[in-house]
N, C-alpha and C. Protein backbone atom coordinates (compact mmCIF):
# COMPACT_ATOMS: atom_id res chain seq x y z
N UNK A 1 -5.17 72.81 66.68
CA UNK A 1 -6.31 71.55 67.30
C UNK A 1 -5.09 71.40 68.78
N UNK A 2 -3.74 71.29 67.65
CA UNK A 2 -2.29 71.09 69.13
C UNK A 2 -2.31 72.14 70.07
N UNK A 3 -2.90 73.29 69.40
CA UNK A 3 -2.39 74.38 70.51
C UNK A 3 -3.33 74.14 71.44
N UNK A 4 -5.08 73.84 71.19
CA UNK A 4 -6.21 73.86 72.23
C UNK A 4 -5.67 72.83 73.30
N UNK A 5 -5.03 71.27 72.75
CA UNK A 5 -4.38 70.39 73.50
C UNK A 5 -3.36 70.52 74.26
N UNK A 6 -2.81 71.63 74.28
CA UNK A 6 -1.47 71.92 75.18
C UNK A 6 -2.20 73.02 76.23
N UNK A 7 -3.01 74.19 75.64
CA UNK A 7 -3.87 74.90 76.69
C UNK A 7 -4.35 73.97 77.81
N UNK A 8 -4.95 72.68 77.08
CA UNK A 8 -5.77 72.11 78.27
C UNK A 8 -4.88 71.76 79.12
N UNK A 9 -3.89 70.74 78.75
CA UNK A 9 -3.07 69.95 80.02
C UNK A 9 -2.66 71.18 80.79
N UNK A 10 -2.22 72.30 80.16
CA UNK A 10 -1.59 73.17 80.92
C UNK A 10 -2.66 74.23 81.97
N UNK A 11 -3.77 73.74 81.68
CA UNK A 11 -4.74 74.38 82.29
C UNK A 11 -5.19 73.28 83.71
N UNK A 12 -4.91 72.11 83.02
CA UNK A 12 -5.16 71.15 84.48
C UNK A 12 -3.81 70.99 85.57
N UNK A 13 -2.57 71.28 84.78
CA UNK A 13 -1.35 71.10 85.94
C UNK A 13 -1.75 72.64 86.77
N UNK A 14 -2.14 73.41 86.47
CA UNK A 14 -2.02 74.74 86.92
C UNK A 14 -3.46 74.82 87.93
N UNK A 15 -4.40 74.06 87.89
CA UNK A 15 -5.55 73.64 88.69
C UNK A 15 -4.97 72.67 89.55
N UNK A 16 -3.82 71.86 89.37
CA UNK A 16 -3.18 71.21 90.37
C UNK A 16 -2.50 71.82 91.23
N UNK A 17 -1.76 72.63 90.95
CA UNK A 17 -0.62 73.28 91.85
C UNK A 17 -1.35 74.34 92.64
N UNK A 18 -2.65 75.11 91.83
CA UNK A 18 -3.38 76.05 92.90
C UNK A 18 -4.04 75.15 94.06
N UNK A 19 -4.19 74.22 93.71
CA UNK A 19 -4.61 73.14 95.27
C UNK A 19 -3.60 73.09 96.14
N UNK A 20 -2.39 72.48 95.66
CA UNK A 20 -1.09 72.50 96.58
C UNK A 20 -1.15 73.43 97.74
N UNK A 21 -1.45 74.92 96.97
CA UNK A 21 -1.51 75.91 97.97
C UNK A 21 -2.14 76.21 98.83
N UNK A 22 -3.54 75.40 98.52
CA UNK A 22 -4.52 75.90 99.76
C UNK A 22 -4.24 75.21 101.41
N UNK A 23 -4.91 75.81 102.12
CA UNK A 23 -4.48 75.64 103.61
C UNK A 23 -5.92 75.95 104.36
N UNK A 24 -5.38 74.84 105.39
CA UNK A 24 -7.48 75.50 106.49
C UNK A 24 -6.71 74.58 107.68
N UNK A 25 -8.01 74.96 108.34
CA UNK A 25 -7.85 73.70 110.15
C UNK A 25 -8.73 72.84 109.76
N UNK A 26 -8.71 72.53 108.51
CA UNK A 26 -9.58 70.90 108.14
C UNK A 26 -9.08 69.80 109.27
N UNK A 27 -9.94 68.78 109.80
CA UNK A 27 -8.65 67.85 110.18
C UNK A 27 -8.19 66.68 108.92
N UNK A 28 -6.98 67.20 108.74
CA UNK A 28 -6.47 66.22 107.51
C UNK A 28 -7.09 64.69 107.54
N UNK A 29 -6.40 63.88 106.05
CA UNK A 29 -7.50 62.81 106.01
C UNK A 29 -6.45 62.32 105.05
N UNK A 30 -5.68 60.90 105.14
CA UNK A 30 -4.30 60.26 104.75
C UNK A 30 -5.34 58.90 104.24
N UNK A 31 -5.23 58.43 102.90
CA UNK A 31 -5.85 57.37 102.63
C UNK A 31 -4.94 56.63 101.84
N UNK A 32 -4.72 55.08 101.49
CA UNK A 32 -4.12 54.35 100.54
C UNK A 32 -5.68 53.12 99.57
N UNK A 33 -4.78 52.83 98.54
CA UNK A 33 -5.86 52.41 98.02
C UNK A 33 -5.48 51.46 97.10
N UNK A 34 -6.69 50.74 96.50
CA UNK A 34 -6.21 49.71 95.22
C UNK A 34 -7.51 49.61 95.08
N UNK A 35 -7.24 49.20 93.21
CA UNK A 35 -8.76 49.44 92.63
C UNK A 35 -8.56 48.69 91.65
N UNK A 36 -9.57 48.04 90.77
CA UNK A 36 -9.43 47.56 89.30
C UNK A 36 -10.94 48.09 88.61
N UNK A 37 -10.96 47.56 87.35
CA UNK A 37 -12.06 48.36 86.56
C UNK A 37 -11.60 47.71 85.07
N UNK A 38 -12.79 47.85 84.11
CA UNK A 38 -12.55 47.73 83.18
C UNK A 38 -12.56 49.19 82.46
N UNK A 39 -11.76 48.90 81.17
CA UNK A 39 -11.88 50.21 80.12
C UNK A 39 -12.63 50.26 79.20
N UNK A 40 -12.73 51.11 78.14
CA UNK A 40 -13.70 51.35 76.74
C UNK A 40 -12.74 52.43 76.18
N UNK A 41 -11.74 51.99 74.91
CA UNK A 41 -11.24 52.88 74.54
C UNK A 41 -11.07 52.84 72.98
N UNK A 42 -10.55 53.89 72.59
CA UNK A 42 -10.78 53.82 71.06
C UNK A 42 -8.88 55.03 70.45
N UNK A 43 -8.93 55.36 69.69
CA UNK A 43 -7.87 55.87 69.16
C UNK A 43 -8.32 57.27 68.32
N UNK A 44 -8.62 58.60 68.29
CA UNK A 44 -9.17 59.49 67.50
C UNK A 44 -7.73 59.90 66.44
N UNK A 45 -8.06 59.20 64.95
CA UNK A 45 -6.81 59.41 64.17
C UNK A 45 -7.74 60.57 63.16
N UNK A 46 -6.54 60.69 62.64
CA UNK A 46 -7.06 61.99 61.33
C UNK A 46 -5.74 61.52 60.02
N UNK A 47 -6.23 60.99 59.50
CA UNK A 47 -7.48 61.01 58.86
C UNK A 47 -8.22 59.17 59.38
N UNK A 48 -9.74 59.79 59.28
CA UNK A 48 -10.37 58.47 60.38
C UNK A 48 -10.35 57.01 59.79
N UNK A 49 -10.29 56.49 60.80
CA UNK A 49 -10.57 54.84 60.87
C UNK A 49 -11.56 54.38 61.46
N UNK A 50 -12.70 54.12 61.23
CA UNK A 50 -13.70 52.82 61.62
C UNK A 50 -13.26 52.13 62.67
N UNK A 51 -14.07 52.50 64.11
CA UNK A 51 -13.52 51.73 64.48
C UNK A 51 -14.66 51.52 65.57
N UNK A 52 -15.31 50.47 66.60
CA UNK A 52 -15.65 50.87 68.36
C UNK A 52 -15.02 50.21 69.15
N UNK A 53 -15.65 50.53 70.38
CA UNK A 53 -14.58 50.76 71.39
C UNK A 53 -13.92 49.28 71.90
N UNK A 54 -12.74 49.49 72.17
CA UNK A 54 -11.64 48.20 72.54
C UNK A 54 -12.41 47.96 74.05
N UNK A 55 -12.61 46.42 75.05
CA UNK A 55 -12.93 46.54 75.71
C UNK A 55 -11.45 45.61 76.61
N UNK A 56 -11.21 46.52 77.67
CA UNK A 56 -10.11 46.20 78.14
C UNK A 56 -9.82 46.17 79.80
N UNK A 57 -8.92 46.21 80.63
CA UNK A 57 -8.88 46.78 82.07
C UNK A 57 -7.91 47.37 82.50
N UNK A 58 -8.30 47.55 83.98
CA UNK A 58 -6.85 48.23 84.62
C UNK A 58 -7.18 48.07 86.01
N UNK A 59 -6.05 48.26 86.78
CA UNK A 59 -6.05 48.22 87.73
C UNK A 59 -4.17 48.91 88.37
N UNK A 60 -4.98 49.47 89.83
CA UNK A 60 -3.94 49.95 90.44
C UNK A 60 -3.73 50.46 92.03
N UNK A 61 -2.99 51.28 92.24
CA UNK A 61 -2.97 51.82 93.33
C UNK A 61 -2.80 53.36 93.57
N UNK A 62 -3.50 53.82 94.77
CA UNK A 62 -3.33 55.32 94.87
C UNK A 62 -2.91 55.74 96.57
N UNK A 63 -3.01 57.23 96.63
CA UNK A 63 -2.32 57.60 97.64
C UNK A 63 -3.34 58.90 97.57
N UNK A 64 -4.05 59.11 98.73
CA UNK A 64 -5.11 60.45 98.98
C UNK A 64 -4.46 61.44 100.02
N UNK A 65 -4.78 62.86 99.57
CA UNK A 65 -4.58 63.60 101.18
C UNK A 65 -5.34 64.34 100.74
N UNK A 66 -6.29 64.87 102.36
CA UNK A 66 -7.38 65.82 101.83
C UNK A 66 -6.60 66.68 103.19
N UNK A 67 -7.00 67.90 102.96
CA UNK A 67 -6.28 68.97 104.02
C UNK A 67 -7.17 70.16 104.39
N UNK A 68 -8.35 70.42 102.73
CA UNK A 68 -8.75 71.04 103.01
C UNK A 68 -10.22 70.35 103.11
N UNK A 69 -11.47 71.40 103.57
CA UNK A 69 -12.94 70.52 103.50
C UNK A 69 -13.20 70.52 102.17
N UNK A 70 -14.07 69.49 101.61
CA UNK A 70 -14.22 69.42 100.29
C UNK A 70 -12.70 69.34 99.02
N UNK A 71 -11.97 69.32 99.64
CA UNK A 71 -10.78 69.11 98.25
C UNK A 71 -9.98 68.39 99.01
N UNK A 72 -8.96 67.72 98.23
CA UNK A 72 -8.07 67.19 98.53
C UNK A 72 -6.81 66.89 97.09
N UNK A 73 -6.01 65.69 97.36
CA UNK A 73 -4.99 65.86 96.06
C UNK A 73 -4.85 64.22 96.15
N UNK A 74 -5.01 63.71 94.72
CA UNK A 74 -4.53 62.37 94.66
C UNK A 74 -3.70 61.84 93.73
N UNK A 75 -2.80 60.89 93.89
CA UNK A 75 -1.61 60.39 93.17
C UNK A 75 -1.95 58.77 93.06
N UNK A 76 -1.86 58.68 91.84
CA UNK A 76 -2.27 57.01 91.41
C UNK A 76 -1.23 56.24 90.36
N UNK A 77 -0.58 54.97 90.53
CA UNK A 77 0.01 53.98 89.69
C UNK A 77 -0.67 53.04 89.31
N UNK A 78 -1.42 53.32 87.93
CA UNK A 78 -2.09 52.07 87.33
C UNK A 78 -1.60 51.24 86.08
N UNK A 79 -1.99 50.08 85.77
CA UNK A 79 -1.93 49.36 84.74
C UNK A 79 -2.84 50.14 83.86
N UNK A 80 -2.97 50.64 82.59
CA UNK A 80 -4.19 50.06 81.72
C UNK A 80 -4.07 49.81 80.27
N UNK A 81 -5.00 49.55 79.98
CA UNK A 81 -4.88 48.75 78.91
C UNK A 81 -5.97 49.45 77.59
N UNK A 82 -5.59 49.83 76.74
CA UNK A 82 -6.18 50.62 75.57
C UNK A 82 -6.16 50.19 74.25
N UNK A 83 -6.28 51.00 73.35
CA UNK A 83 -6.03 51.07 72.27
C UNK A 83 -7.55 51.41 70.82
N UNK A 84 -7.74 50.46 69.98
CA UNK A 84 -8.62 50.79 69.02
C UNK A 84 -8.96 49.24 68.24
N UNK A 85 -10.23 48.92 68.23
CA UNK A 85 -10.70 47.87 67.67
C UNK A 85 -11.59 48.34 66.23
N UNK A 86 -10.80 48.01 64.88
CA UNK A 86 -11.50 48.53 63.79
C UNK A 86 -12.61 47.80 63.33
N UNK A 87 -13.49 48.37 62.72
CA UNK A 87 -14.68 47.75 61.80
C UNK A 87 -14.43 47.74 60.55
N UNK A 88 -15.04 46.68 59.77
CA UNK A 88 -15.01 46.59 58.25
C UNK A 88 -16.31 46.57 57.69
N UNK A 89 -17.22 47.34 58.47
CA UNK A 89 -18.57 47.22 57.53
C UNK A 89 -18.72 45.92 57.16
N UNK A 90 -19.26 45.72 55.85
CA UNK A 90 -19.88 44.54 55.10
C UNK A 90 -18.91 43.00 55.23
N UNK A 91 -17.61 43.65 55.22
CA UNK A 91 -16.50 42.76 55.42
C UNK A 91 -16.21 41.48 56.53
N UNK A 92 -16.05 40.51 56.64
CA UNK A 92 -15.97 39.43 57.63
C UNK A 92 -14.46 39.58 58.29
N UNK A 93 -13.85 40.71 58.33
CA UNK A 93 -12.17 40.66 59.02
C UNK A 93 -12.99 41.25 60.38
N UNK A 94 -12.06 41.53 61.05
CA UNK A 94 -11.80 41.49 62.57
C UNK A 94 -10.26 42.17 62.68
N UNK A 95 -9.91 43.38 63.35
CA UNK A 95 -8.27 43.82 63.35
C UNK A 95 -8.62 44.46 65.20
N UNK A 96 -7.77 44.49 66.17
CA UNK A 96 -7.68 44.72 66.99
C UNK A 96 -6.16 45.05 67.51
N UNK A 97 -5.93 46.35 68.23
CA UNK A 97 -4.57 46.73 68.41
C UNK A 97 -5.01 47.13 69.83
N UNK A 98 -4.04 46.43 70.98
CA UNK A 98 -3.67 46.73 72.47
C UNK A 98 -2.76 47.20 73.16
N UNK A 99 -2.77 48.17 73.31
CA UNK A 99 -1.47 49.11 74.06
C UNK A 99 -1.52 49.29 75.64
N UNK A 100 -0.76 48.66 76.31
CA UNK A 100 -0.23 48.53 77.54
C UNK A 100 0.34 49.28 78.41
N UNK A 101 -0.06 50.52 79.07
CA UNK A 101 0.06 51.49 79.90
C UNK A 101 0.77 51.23 81.12
N UNK A 102 1.52 51.83 82.01
CA UNK A 102 1.62 52.25 83.44
C UNK A 102 1.40 53.85 83.11
N UNK A 103 0.23 53.78 83.68
CA UNK A 103 -0.68 55.81 83.80
C UNK A 103 -0.12 56.16 85.20
N UNK A 104 0.36 57.32 85.43
CA UNK A 104 0.07 57.98 86.72
C UNK A 104 -0.54 59.32 86.59
N UNK A 105 -1.76 59.44 86.94
CA UNK A 105 -3.00 60.52 87.03
C UNK A 105 -2.33 61.86 88.54
N UNK A 106 -2.37 62.43 88.10
CA UNK A 106 -2.31 63.64 89.68
C UNK A 106 -3.69 64.31 89.34
N UNK A 107 -4.24 64.38 90.52
CA UNK A 107 -5.76 64.33 90.48
C UNK A 107 -6.08 65.41 91.76
N UNK A 108 -6.78 66.71 91.35
CA UNK A 108 -7.44 67.27 92.32
C UNK A 108 -8.56 66.60 92.66
N UNK A 109 -9.17 66.64 93.87
CA UNK A 109 -10.12 65.84 93.99
C UNK A 109 -11.03 66.69 95.23
N UNK A 110 -12.48 66.64 94.46
CA UNK A 110 -13.62 67.82 95.40
C UNK A 110 -14.55 66.54 95.69
N UNK A 111 -15.12 66.53 96.67
CA UNK A 111 -16.25 65.72 97.67
C UNK A 111 -16.85 66.63 98.21
N UNK A 112 -18.28 66.04 98.49
CA UNK A 112 -19.50 66.43 99.31
C UNK A 112 -19.93 65.35 99.78
N UNK A 113 -20.51 65.33 101.01
CA UNK A 113 -21.35 64.36 101.51
C UNK A 113 -21.12 64.81 103.17
N UNK A 114 -20.79 63.31 103.62
CA UNK A 114 -20.43 63.29 105.27
C UNK A 114 -19.49 62.19 105.19
N UNK A 115 -19.38 61.48 106.37
CA UNK A 115 -18.11 60.57 106.50
C UNK A 115 -18.78 59.06 106.49
N UNK A 116 -19.96 58.90 105.86
CA UNK A 116 -20.15 57.41 105.26
C UNK A 116 -20.50 57.51 104.26
N UNK A 117 -21.24 58.81 103.77
CA UNK A 117 -21.67 58.55 101.77
C UNK A 117 -20.90 59.95 101.45
N UNK A 118 -19.84 60.01 100.38
CA UNK A 118 -19.71 60.69 99.92
C UNK A 118 -19.90 60.91 98.36
N UNK A 119 -20.22 62.02 97.46
CA UNK A 119 -20.05 62.14 96.13
C UNK A 119 -18.46 62.95 95.89
N UNK A 120 -17.93 62.80 94.78
CA UNK A 120 -16.74 62.91 94.33
C UNK A 120 -16.50 63.70 92.73
N UNK A 121 -15.59 64.67 92.29
CA UNK A 121 -15.31 64.75 90.77
C UNK A 121 -13.81 64.72 90.91
N UNK A 122 -12.93 64.29 90.06
CA UNK A 122 -11.64 63.95 90.29
C UNK A 122 -11.45 65.07 88.85
N UNK A 123 -10.13 65.61 88.59
CA UNK A 123 -9.52 65.99 87.37
C UNK A 123 -8.12 66.24 87.51
N UNK A 124 -7.38 66.33 86.49
CA UNK A 124 -6.26 66.39 86.52
C UNK A 124 -5.58 65.72 85.20
N UNK A 125 -4.49 66.10 85.36
CA UNK A 125 -3.08 65.84 84.22
C UNK A 125 -2.66 64.34 84.64
N UNK A 126 -2.49 63.76 83.14
CA UNK A 126 -2.30 62.18 83.37
C UNK A 126 -0.84 61.66 82.39
N UNK A 127 -0.14 61.29 82.62
CA UNK A 127 0.75 60.50 82.15
C UNK A 127 1.11 59.18 82.01
N UNK A 128 1.93 58.93 80.79
CA UNK A 128 1.79 57.21 80.46
C UNK A 128 2.66 56.99 79.97
N UNK A 129 3.32 55.42 80.27
CA UNK A 129 4.73 54.78 79.58
C UNK A 129 4.31 54.05 78.91
N UNK A 130 4.20 53.45 77.70
CA UNK A 130 3.91 52.21 77.40
C UNK A 130 4.56 51.20 77.33
N UNK A 131 4.13 50.11 77.61
CA UNK A 131 5.04 49.03 78.01
C UNK A 131 5.19 47.81 77.33
N UNK A 132 4.11 47.85 76.01
CA UNK A 132 4.05 47.00 74.85
C UNK A 132 2.88 47.34 74.17
N UNK A 133 2.90 46.85 73.20
CA UNK A 133 1.57 46.14 72.64
C UNK A 133 1.50 45.03 71.50
N UNK A 134 0.05 44.96 71.36
CA UNK A 134 0.10 43.47 70.23
C UNK A 134 -1.62 43.40 69.68
N UNK A 135 -1.60 43.15 68.59
CA UNK A 135 -2.73 42.87 67.52
C UNK A 135 -3.05 41.70 67.19
N UNK A 136 -4.62 41.69 67.32
CA UNK A 136 -4.96 40.28 66.74
C UNK A 136 -6.04 40.54 65.60
N UNK A 137 -5.70 39.68 64.42
CA UNK A 137 -6.92 40.06 63.36
C UNK A 137 -6.76 38.61 62.54
N UNK A 138 -7.69 38.35 61.71
CA UNK A 138 -7.88 37.05 60.72
C UNK A 138 -7.68 37.36 59.28
N UNK A 139 -6.98 37.88 59.20
CA UNK A 139 -6.01 38.55 57.77
C UNK A 139 -4.45 38.49 58.20
N UNK A 140 -3.85 38.67 57.31
CA UNK A 140 -2.39 38.78 56.81
C UNK A 140 -1.88 40.25 56.60
N UNK A 141 -1.60 40.50 57.91
CA UNK A 141 -1.56 42.34 57.49
C UNK A 141 -0.56 42.66 56.64
N UNK A 142 0.62 41.61 56.41
CA UNK A 142 1.48 41.88 55.10
C UNK A 142 1.20 41.37 54.02
N UNK A 143 0.05 40.89 53.65
CA UNK A 143 -0.60 40.76 52.70
C UNK A 143 -2.26 40.63 52.13
N UNK A 144 -2.69 42.13 52.24
CA UNK A 144 -4.03 42.41 52.91
C UNK A 144 -4.72 41.96 51.53
N UNK A 145 -6.04 41.59 52.20
CA UNK A 145 -7.47 40.82 51.14
C UNK A 145 -7.69 42.35 50.58
N UNK A 146 -8.65 42.28 49.76
CA UNK A 146 -9.74 43.60 49.11
C UNK A 146 -10.64 43.94 50.05
N UNK A 147 -10.64 45.28 50.70
CA UNK A 147 -11.46 45.44 51.49
C UNK A 147 -12.74 46.20 50.67
N UNK A 148 -13.96 46.18 51.35
CA UNK A 148 -14.79 46.85 50.54
C UNK A 148 -14.93 48.36 50.45
N UNK A 149 -14.40 48.80 51.66
CA UNK A 149 -14.21 50.52 52.19
C UNK A 149 -13.21 50.87 51.62
N UNK A 150 -12.77 51.49 50.47
CA UNK A 150 -12.11 51.48 49.67
C UNK A 150 -10.81 53.09 50.08
N UNK A 151 -11.77 53.64 51.20
CA UNK A 151 -10.94 54.56 51.89
C UNK A 151 -10.24 53.95 52.97
N UNK A 152 -9.61 53.03 53.34
CA UNK A 152 -9.08 52.25 54.50
C UNK A 152 -7.89 53.17 54.29
N UNK A 153 -7.41 52.76 55.58
CA UNK A 153 -6.01 53.54 55.63
C UNK A 153 -5.20 52.13 55.80
N UNK A 154 -4.68 51.28 55.10
CA UNK A 154 -3.96 50.34 54.97
C UNK A 154 -2.41 49.93 55.75
N UNK A 155 -2.06 51.44 55.60
CA UNK A 155 -0.11 51.21 56.03
C UNK A 155 -0.86 51.32 57.59
N UNK A 156 -1.72 51.43 58.39
CA UNK A 156 -2.10 51.25 60.35
C UNK A 156 -1.23 50.03 60.15
N UNK A 157 -1.60 48.66 59.52
CA UNK A 157 -1.37 47.44 60.32
C UNK A 157 -0.15 47.40 60.29
N UNK A 158 1.03 47.63 59.87
CA UNK A 158 2.31 47.66 59.98
C UNK A 158 3.01 48.59 60.38
N UNK A 159 2.55 49.74 60.90
CA UNK A 159 3.26 51.07 61.77
C UNK A 159 3.77 50.90 62.65
N UNK A 160 4.28 50.60 63.43
CA UNK A 160 5.06 50.39 64.91
C UNK A 160 4.53 51.76 65.51
N UNK A 161 4.72 51.63 66.87
CA UNK A 161 3.84 52.75 67.84
C UNK A 161 5.18 53.41 67.83
N UNK A 162 5.36 54.98 67.09
CA UNK A 162 6.29 56.02 67.30
C UNK A 162 6.46 56.49 68.96
N UNK A 163 5.42 56.57 69.92
CA UNK A 163 5.58 57.28 70.45
C UNK A 163 5.51 56.68 72.25
N UNK A 164 5.93 56.23 72.72
CA UNK A 164 6.27 55.35 73.97
C UNK A 164 5.63 56.18 75.28
N UNK A 165 5.68 57.25 75.15
CA UNK A 165 5.04 58.30 76.17
C UNK A 165 3.95 59.12 75.82
N UNK A 166 3.02 59.22 76.89
CA UNK A 166 1.88 59.60 76.44
C UNK A 166 1.97 60.78 77.50
N UNK A 167 0.32 61.48 76.98
CA UNK A 167 0.00 62.80 78.46
C UNK A 167 -0.95 63.09 77.94
N UNK A 168 -1.99 63.69 78.58
CA UNK A 168 -3.40 63.63 78.59
C UNK A 168 -3.86 64.81 79.20
N UNK A 169 -4.76 64.80 79.71
CA UNK A 169 -6.12 65.24 81.02
C UNK A 169 -6.92 64.24 81.13
N UNK A 170 -7.53 63.98 82.60
CA UNK A 170 -8.41 63.04 82.81
C UNK A 170 -9.60 63.63 83.95
N UNK A 171 -10.66 63.44 83.99
CA UNK A 171 -11.88 63.99 84.73
C UNK A 171 -12.84 62.43 84.62
N UNK A 172 -13.26 62.29 86.52
CA UNK A 172 -14.52 61.63 86.44
C UNK A 172 -14.92 61.57 87.66
N UNK A 173 -16.08 61.16 88.28
CA UNK A 173 -17.06 60.94 89.00
C UNK A 173 -17.21 59.78 89.62
N UNK A 174 -17.85 59.89 91.20
CA UNK A 174 -18.06 58.74 91.58
C UNK A 174 -18.60 58.55 92.76
N UNK A 175 -18.64 57.97 93.88
CA UNK A 175 -18.88 57.69 95.29
C UNK A 175 -18.56 56.72 96.12
N UNK A 176 -18.22 57.04 97.44
CA UNK A 176 -17.31 56.46 98.19
C UNK A 176 -18.46 56.47 99.41
N UNK A 177 -18.25 54.84 99.70
CA UNK A 177 -18.39 54.20 101.03
C UNK A 177 -17.65 53.92 102.25
N UNK A 178 -17.98 54.73 103.20
CA UNK A 178 -17.40 54.48 104.55
C UNK A 178 -17.65 53.00 105.26
N UNK A 179 -16.79 52.15 105.34
CA UNK A 179 -17.34 51.21 106.19
C UNK A 179 -16.35 51.35 107.48
N UNK A 180 -16.79 51.51 108.93
CA UNK A 180 -16.39 51.57 110.04
C UNK A 180 -15.41 52.75 109.68
N UNK A 181 -14.50 52.98 110.53
CA UNK A 181 -13.98 54.06 110.31
C UNK A 181 -12.83 54.14 109.46
N UNK A 182 -12.10 52.67 109.49
CA UNK A 182 -10.68 52.60 108.43
C UNK A 182 -10.99 52.11 106.65
N UNK A 183 -11.98 51.78 106.67
CA UNK A 183 -12.17 51.06 105.61
C UNK A 183 -13.09 51.74 104.36
N UNK A 184 -13.07 51.66 103.69
CA UNK A 184 -14.04 52.66 102.03
C UNK A 184 -13.94 51.67 100.69
N UNK A 185 -15.02 51.79 100.52
CA UNK A 185 -15.14 51.21 98.99
C UNK A 185 -15.60 52.51 98.02
N UNK A 186 -15.17 52.15 96.92
CA UNK A 186 -15.34 53.43 95.76
C UNK A 186 -15.30 53.16 94.46
N UNK A 187 -16.93 53.65 93.87
CA UNK A 187 -16.66 53.60 92.41
C UNK A 187 -16.85 54.63 91.98
N UNK A 188 -16.21 54.33 90.40
CA UNK A 188 -15.54 55.67 89.72
C UNK A 188 -15.79 55.46 88.42
N UNK A 189 -16.27 56.72 87.59
CA UNK A 189 -16.42 56.31 86.19
C UNK A 189 -15.59 57.45 85.68
N UNK A 190 -14.51 56.87 85.01
CA UNK A 190 -13.16 58.53 84.44
C UNK A 190 -12.98 58.60 82.73
N UNK A 191 -12.90 59.69 82.11
CA UNK A 191 -12.82 59.86 81.46
C UNK A 191 -11.46 60.18 80.53
N UNK A 192 -10.80 59.73 79.80
CA UNK A 192 -9.12 60.33 79.39
C UNK A 192 -9.29 60.66 78.04
N UNK A 193 -8.52 62.05 77.81
CA UNK A 193 -8.66 62.45 76.63
C UNK A 193 -6.53 63.09 76.33
N UNK A 194 -6.33 61.59 75.53
CA UNK A 194 -5.01 62.22 75.10
C UNK A 194 -4.69 63.33 74.40
N UNK A 195 -3.06 63.85 74.73
CA UNK A 195 -2.98 65.14 74.41
C UNK A 195 -1.79 64.60 72.97
N UNK A 196 -0.78 63.47 73.00
CA UNK A 196 0.07 63.02 72.53
C UNK A 196 -0.11 62.06 71.62
N UNK A 197 0.54 62.05 70.48
CA UNK A 197 -0.29 61.15 69.32
C UNK A 197 0.49 59.82 69.62
N UNK A 198 0.01 58.67 69.35
CA UNK A 198 0.98 57.40 68.97
C UNK A 198 2.08 56.79 68.26
N UNK A 199 1.55 57.88 66.87
CA UNK A 199 2.35 57.67 65.54
C UNK A 199 3.23 59.06 65.25
N UNK A 200 4.02 59.26 64.57
CA UNK A 200 4.29 60.26 64.13
C UNK A 200 3.05 60.80 63.11
N UNK A 201 3.34 62.41 63.68
CA UNK A 201 2.61 63.21 62.79
C UNK A 201 2.90 64.53 62.07
N UNK A 202 4.13 64.25 61.45
CA UNK A 202 4.61 65.35 60.18
C UNK A 202 3.65 65.33 59.10
N UNK A 203 4.11 66.16 58.33
CA UNK A 203 3.63 66.23 57.07
C UNK A 203 3.58 65.43 55.87
N UNK A 204 4.47 64.48 56.05
CA UNK A 204 4.73 63.39 55.63
C UNK A 204 4.30 62.22 55.74
N UNK A 205 4.01 62.08 57.32
CA UNK A 205 3.32 60.90 57.61
C UNK A 205 2.28 60.93 57.49
N UNK A 206 1.51 58.94 57.77
CA UNK A 206 0.36 58.70 57.18
C UNK A 206 -1.19 59.46 58.24
N UNK A 207 -0.79 59.81 59.58
CA UNK A 207 -1.47 60.43 60.26
C UNK A 207 -0.84 61.77 60.92
N UNK A 208 -2.07 62.74 60.78
CA UNK A 208 -2.17 63.98 61.41
C UNK A 208 -1.99 64.10 62.66
N UNK A 209 -3.05 63.26 63.26
CA UNK A 209 -3.31 62.92 64.76
C UNK A 209 -3.66 61.27 65.24
N UNK A 210 -3.08 61.18 66.26
CA UNK A 210 -3.76 59.64 66.73
C UNK A 210 -3.49 59.57 68.02
N UNK A 211 -4.44 60.17 68.46
CA UNK A 211 -4.48 60.60 70.21
C UNK A 211 -5.60 59.32 71.23
N UNK A 212 -5.29 58.67 72.10
CA UNK A 212 -6.15 57.94 72.99
C UNK A 212 -7.29 58.44 73.61
N UNK A 213 -8.24 57.70 73.80
CA UNK A 213 -9.73 58.27 74.59
C UNK A 213 -10.06 57.07 75.29
N UNK A 214 -10.33 57.46 76.17
CA UNK A 214 -10.27 56.02 77.74
C UNK A 214 -11.76 56.29 78.55
N UNK A 215 -12.53 55.40 78.32
CA UNK A 215 -13.34 55.42 79.78
C UNK A 215 -13.57 53.93 80.51
N UNK A 216 -13.00 54.33 81.84
CA UNK A 216 -12.85 53.52 82.75
C UNK A 216 -13.75 53.89 83.77
N UNK A 217 -14.26 52.05 84.12
CA UNK A 217 -15.33 52.20 85.30
C UNK A 217 -14.18 51.35 86.26
N UNK A 218 -14.29 51.97 87.51
CA UNK A 218 -13.55 51.12 88.61
C UNK A 218 -14.53 50.61 89.89
N UNK A 219 -13.86 50.03 90.70
CA UNK A 219 -14.47 49.38 92.01
C UNK A 219 -12.66 49.33 93.02
N UNK A 220 -13.05 50.28 94.03
CA UNK A 220 -11.56 50.46 94.46
C UNK A 220 -12.05 50.32 96.58
N UNK A 221 -11.09 49.73 96.79
CA UNK A 221 -10.87 49.79 98.38
C UNK A 221 -10.10 50.69 98.66
N UNK A 222 -10.15 51.73 99.92
CA UNK A 222 -9.23 52.55 100.57
C UNK A 222 -9.06 52.33 102.02
N UNK A 223 -8.13 52.40 102.57
CA UNK A 223 -7.73 52.47 104.09
C UNK A 223 -7.28 54.11 104.56
N UNK A 224 -7.99 54.02 105.47
CA UNK A 224 -8.55 55.03 106.15
C UNK A 224 -7.02 55.27 107.30
N UNK A 225 -6.32 56.16 107.17
CA UNK A 225 -4.89 56.08 108.66
C UNK A 225 -5.91 57.26 109.60
């Protein structure tokens, strides 16, 4: 499983580098932008932790350069909120753990359409640095109650985040509306699959895997130079 994740990451990086090498006579476009939106996230744990999607938010700035017809490159710096929302079946307990990251995706940008309306697909690698984390629960994590679900991984409540650096691949699609000549509005949905683990994953550790999965829906503004 780890090998597959590393292979996917390498493929994403190679696709980005191959895009850098392309040139044509297409009239270049350069844009900067800001965006904000909502995240729906979970953490894929092995062994499994029952959970539902955690609602968060994201926002950031972007730079886009287009030199090929139908093809360009994007770099972003975002604040991204993610984590997990554990579920307890019949028990009246709640537990959420929120992770706050600075995330930096490097994306290939494939688009189609005209100068007024464009559809697009973005894909590439993403790195992230954990700024901090917090949890909310309606029980004492240091004096746990009896859970109906006997397979609960109880150690999770007092574990510190071990790896502050995250990396993975992200891809999404959306639509851009050009307003006049220099302004644009962008609506995008994106999915991120983390290749790094937030907890230690040695044989003696609690989790063999703990990587983030994030769905993002955002609305942005672009300024065209």
